[in-house]
Each structure stands twice: as C-alpha cells, then as structure tokens.
C-alpha cells in the first residue's frame, strides 16, 4: 500500500510539473492559436530609404519573409529568386496580395542603401530591411531565426550562419506556412495559389 501511494504521488507530481511547464511555455511563447506556431511578432527595422518600418506597415497583405544577408553566396539569393519566380507564376492579381520582405541579419555591412539595392534584384516591390544589431536581434528572436557571424577570413570577409526559412504570414501577421531552402518556385507557387 505504501509503495502504491509513493508511485501515485510521483505520477501526480509529474503530471502537475508537465501542466505547469506547458502553461509557462504557453504564457511565454505568445499563446499559439489553433495549433499555429508562435512565429513572427512585433519588429522595428529600417527600410532602404532610412524610414522606420514595423510589422504594422504590412497589415492587410500577406508577407513572404526571409532572413539572410546580402553577401550570402548562394542560399539567400536562390531562395529570394525562387520566391520571385513563384510570385510571377501566380499572376499579378494574386501576387498583389503578397509582399516579399528581406530582413538582413548582417547589419554591420547591410546598410539601408545596400538592402535597397539588393531587394531591387528580386520581385518588384520587394522590401529590404535592416537595423541596429539590437533591432535585428529582436526581430530574429521573434521569428525564431538562428544566426551567427562566422570567423572572418584574413581579408576581413565573413559569412553568417543562419536559418534558411521563407515564412508566409497572413494579412494580420500570423503564420500560415513556411518553405525550406530546397523549395522550388513551382512548389511555392502551388502553395500560394492554394493558400491565398
């Protein structure tokens, strides 16, 4: 009897701990609704013209959001190029409902002028954003993006390791889906046609 009481108390303790842990996670992670991941949120960054931009400036339109850096040799431009092609494939009526947003995780080199020029290589209307290291770090945390500056080469050049995820957010800034770096333009276009 005493052993079964100990086991019962142990099980009860585990369940209470699990419930408390879930509540703490729920409270800290933004209370995901209907199973949606808690991705995205408030940010304050700088656009290519030096203006302050927040997530509220995109309300009413879907966003395709990608965190990267302009010196990225392959994954960043490929992902943004595929997103641009996908927007072309879905046609102007649907594409007008979406804004492609590039957020730099390399504010040291990616000034407003640099991100403006970089964004201009992709779909018309693509927005390039940067900011202070603190602003960029806060945005990356809100979007659950990992990034780390690699050790510089002898000439001072460096790469930035980072998550390579393209997020689709709805007109209220809520997560809809995401695409990995392996997603093709056709994959993205098919998903956009289905979800918009």
Protein backbone atom coordinates (compact mmCIF):
# COMPACT_ATOMS: atom_id res chain seq x y z
CA UNK A 1 0.00 0.00 0.00
CA UNK A 2 2.77 2.40 0.93
CA UNK A 3 4.62 1.69 -2.36
CA UNK A 4 1.47 2.32 -4.46
CA UNK A 5 0.93 5.62 -2.63
CA UNK A 6 4.50 6.67 -3.47
CA UNK A 7 4.01 5.75 -7.13
CA UNK A 8 0.68 7.63 -7.19
CA UNK A 9 2.30 10.74 -5.70
CA UNK A 10 5.17 10.50 -8.16
CA UNK A 11 2.80 10.24 -11.15
CA UNK A 12 0.73 13.13 -9.78
CA UNK A 13 3.89 15.23 -9.36
CA UNK A 14 4.99 14.51 -12.94
CA UNK A 15 1.56 15.50 -14.29
CA UNK A 16 1.49 18.72 -12.26
CA UNK A 17 5.04 19.58 -13.42
CA UNK A 18 4.11 18.87 -17.03
CA UNK A 19 0.99 21.05 -16.77
CA UNK A 20 2.97 23.88 -15.14
CA UNK A 21 5.67 23.60 -17.82
CA UNK A 22 3.08 23.74 -20.60
CA UNK A 23 1.41 26.77 -19.03
CA UNK A 24 4.75 28.57 -18.71
CA UNK A 25 5.62 27.79 -22.34
CA UNK A 26 2.15 28.94 -23.46
CA UNK A 27 2.45 32.17 -21.48
CA UNK A 28 5.94 33.00 -22.73
CA UNK A 29 5.55 31.92 -26.36
CA UNK A 30 2.59 34.09 -27.29
CA UNK A 31 -0.32 31.68 -26.79
CA UNK A 32 -0.38 29.96 -30.20
CA UNK A 33 -3.92 29.73 -31.51
CA UNK A 34 -5.45 26.68 -33.16
CA UNK A 35 -2.12 24.88 -33.31
CA UNK A 36 -0.30 27.66 -35.17
CA UNK A 37 3.37 28.03 -34.26
CA UNK A 38 4.28 31.20 -32.43
CA UNK A 39 6.39 32.73 -35.21
CA UNK A 40 6.62 36.39 -36.01
CA UNK A 41 5.63 39.37 -33.99
CA UNK A 42 6.49 42.99 -33.46
CA UNK A 43 9.61 44.41 -35.06
CA UNK A 44 11.05 47.83 -35.73
CA UNK A 45 13.56 47.99 -38.57
CA UNK A 46 14.85 50.41 -41.22
CA UNK A 47 13.99 50.24 -44.91
CA UNK A 48 16.19 51.15 -47.86
CA UNK A 49 15.16 54.80 -47.64
CA UNK A 50 16.10 55.07 -43.97
CA UNK A 51 12.49 55.03 -42.75
CA UNK A 52 11.41 53.12 -39.66
CA UNK A 53 9.20 50.16 -40.59
CA UNK A 54 7.20 47.92 -38.25
CA UNK A 55 5.12 44.79 -38.77
CA UNK A 56 2.01 47.04 -38.75
CA UNK A 57 3.08 48.56 -42.07
CA UNK A 58 2.32 45.23 -43.77
CA UNK A 59 -1.16 44.65 -42.33
CA UNK A 60 -3.75 43.73 -44.91
CA UNK A 61 -1.25 41.92 -47.17
CA UNK A 62 0.36 38.54 -46.88
CA UNK A 63 4.12 38.61 -46.39
CA UNK A 64 6.82 36.24 -47.58
CA UNK A 65 9.56 36.93 -45.03
CA UNK A 66 13.17 35.80 -45.38
CA UNK A 67 16.11 36.50 -43.06
CA UNK A 68 19.51 36.49 -44.76
CA UNK A 69 22.40 38.73 -45.76
CA UNK A 70 23.39 40.41 -48.99
CA UNK A 71 26.89 38.87 -49.08
CA UNK A 72 25.36 35.37 -48.99
CA UNK A 73 26.88 33.46 -51.92
CA UNK A 74 24.07 31.03 -52.70
CA UNK A 75 21.15 30.12 -50.41
CA UNK A 76 19.79 33.64 -49.85
CA UNK A 77 19.70 34.79 -53.48
CA UNK A 78 18.41 31.39 -54.63
CA UNK A 79 15.55 31.42 -52.12
CA UNK A 80 14.58 35.00 -52.96
CA UNK A 81 14.86 34.30 -56.70
CA UNK A 82 12.56 31.26 -56.34
CA UNK A 83 10.09 33.32 -54.31
CA UNK A 84 10.16 35.98 -57.03
CA UNK A 85 9.52 33.39 -59.73
CA UNK A 86 6.66 31.93 -57.68
CA UNK A 87 5.06 35.38 -57.45
CA UNK A 88 5.41 35.74 -61.22
CA UNK A 89 3.83 32.30 -61.73
CA UNK A 90 0.72 33.02 -59.66
CA UNK A 91 -0.07 36.10 -61.75
CA UNK A 92 -0.43 39.77 -60.92
CA UNK A 93 -3.85 39.52 -59.22
CA UNK A 94 -2.66 37.07 -56.54
CA UNK A 95 0.88 38.46 -56.38
CA UNK A 96 -0.53 41.90 -55.50
CA UNK A 97 -1.78 40.37 -52.23
CA UNK A 98 1.77 39.43 -51.16
CA UNK A 99 4.83 41.44 -50.18
CA UNK A 100 8.27 39.79 -50.34
CA UNK A 101 10.31 41.02 -47.36
CA UNK A 102 14.05 40.50 -46.92
CA UNK A 103 15.42 41.14 -43.41
CA UNK A 104 19.19 41.36 -43.06
CA UNK A 105 20.92 39.53 -40.20
CA UNK A 106 24.18 41.33 -41.06
CA UNK A 107 23.55 44.97 -40.06
CA UNK A 108 27.29 45.66 -39.94
CA UNK A 109 27.54 45.51 -43.74
CA UNK A 110 23.90 45.68 -44.83
CA UNK A 111 23.11 49.37 -44.58
CA UNK A 112 19.75 50.73 -45.78
CA UNK A 113 21.25 51.59 -49.17
CA UNK A 114 22.72 48.08 -49.55
CA UNK A 115 19.44 46.29 -48.71
CA UNK A 116 17.52 48.60 -51.07
CA UNK A 117 19.82 47.74 -53.96
CA UNK A 118 19.74 44.03 -53.08
CA UNK A 119 15.94 43.92 -52.86
CA UNK A 120 15.78 45.57 -56.29
CA UNK A 121 17.21 42.40 -57.88
CA UNK A 122 14.09 40.42 -57.00
CA UNK A 123 10.33 40.69 -57.49
CA UNK A 124 9.09 44.28 -57.95
CA UNK A 125 8.06 45.72 -54.62
CA UNK A 126 10.41 43.53 -52.58
CA UNK A 127 11.25 45.32 -49.35
CA UNK A 128 14.74 45.17 -47.84
CA UNK A 129 15.03 45.84 -44.12
CA UNK A 130 17.97 46.25 -41.75
CA UNK A 131 18.56 47.99 -38.44
CA UNK A 132 20.82 48.17 -35.44
CA UNK A 133 22.22 44.88 -34.11
CA UNK A 134 19.68 45.13 -31.28
CA UNK A 135 16.75 45.65 -33.66
CA UNK A 136 17.85 42.81 -35.92
CA UNK A 137 18.41 40.51 -32.93
CA UNK A 138 14.94 41.25 -31.56
CA UNK A 139 13.31 40.53 -34.93
CA UNK A 140 15.26 37.29 -35.34
CA UNK A 141 14.19 36.13 -31.87
CA UNK A 142 10.53 36.87 -32.64
CA UNK A 143 10.77 34.79 -35.81
CA UNK A 144 12.84 32.01 -34.18
CA UNK A 145 15.78 32.62 -36.54
CA UNK A 146 19.23 31.38 -35.62
CA UNK A 147 22.21 33.37 -36.89
CA UNK A 148 25.88 33.64 -36.01
CA UNK A 149 28.71 35.55 -37.65
CA UNK A 150 31.46 33.15 -38.72
CA UNK A 151 35.12 33.85 -38.00
CA UNK A 152 36.49 36.39 -40.51
CA UNK A 153 38.93 35.41 -43.24
CA UNK A 154 42.34 37.07 -43.44
CA UNK A 155 40.92 39.78 -45.70
CA UNK A 156 38.17 40.56 -43.17
CA UNK A 157 35.35 38.98 -45.19
CA UNK A 158 32.98 36.65 -43.39
CA UNK A 159 29.82 34.61 -43.79
CA UNK A 160 26.83 34.46 -41.45
CA UNK A 161 25.42 31.07 -40.49
CA UNK A 162 21.63 31.33 -40.30
CA UNK A 163 18.31 29.53 -40.55
CA UNK A 164 17.11 29.45 -44.13
CA UNK A 165 13.32 29.60 -43.93
CA UNK A 166 10.86 31.62 -46.00
CA UNK A 167 7.75 32.35 -43.94
CA UNK A 168 4.29 33.05 -45.34
CA UNK A 169 2.31 35.26 -42.96
CA UNK A 170 -1.31 36.33 -43.39
CA UNK A 171 -2.65 39.89 -43.54
CA UNK A 172 -2.82 40.00 -39.73
CA UNK A 173 0.82 38.95 -39.36
CA UNK A 174 0.01 35.36 -38.34
CA UNK A 175 1.99 32.35 -39.51
CA UNK A 176 0.44 30.41 -42.41
CA UNK A 177 3.25 28.13 -43.61
CA UNK A 178 6.95 28.11 -44.45
CA UNK A 179 9.29 26.93 -47.19
CA UNK A 180 12.75 25.45 -46.72
CA UNK A 181 15.67 26.44 -48.94
CA UNK A 182 15.05 23.35 -51.09
CA UNK A 183 11.55 24.52 -52.12
CA UNK A 184 11.29 25.26 -55.83
CA UNK A 185 9.44 28.16 -57.40
CA UNK A 186 6.79 25.68 -58.58
CA UNK A 187 6.35 24.34 -55.03
CA UNK A 188 5.91 27.85 -53.68
CA UNK A 189 3.54 28.90 -56.47
CA UNK A 190 1.32 25.86 -55.90
CA UNK A 191 1.15 26.56 -52.16
CA UNK A 192 0.44 30.26 -52.70
CA UNK A 193 -2.39 29.51 -55.12
CA UNK A 194 -3.90 27.16 -52.56
CA UNK A 195 -3.47 29.42 -49.53
CA UNK A 196 -4.17 32.95 -50.79
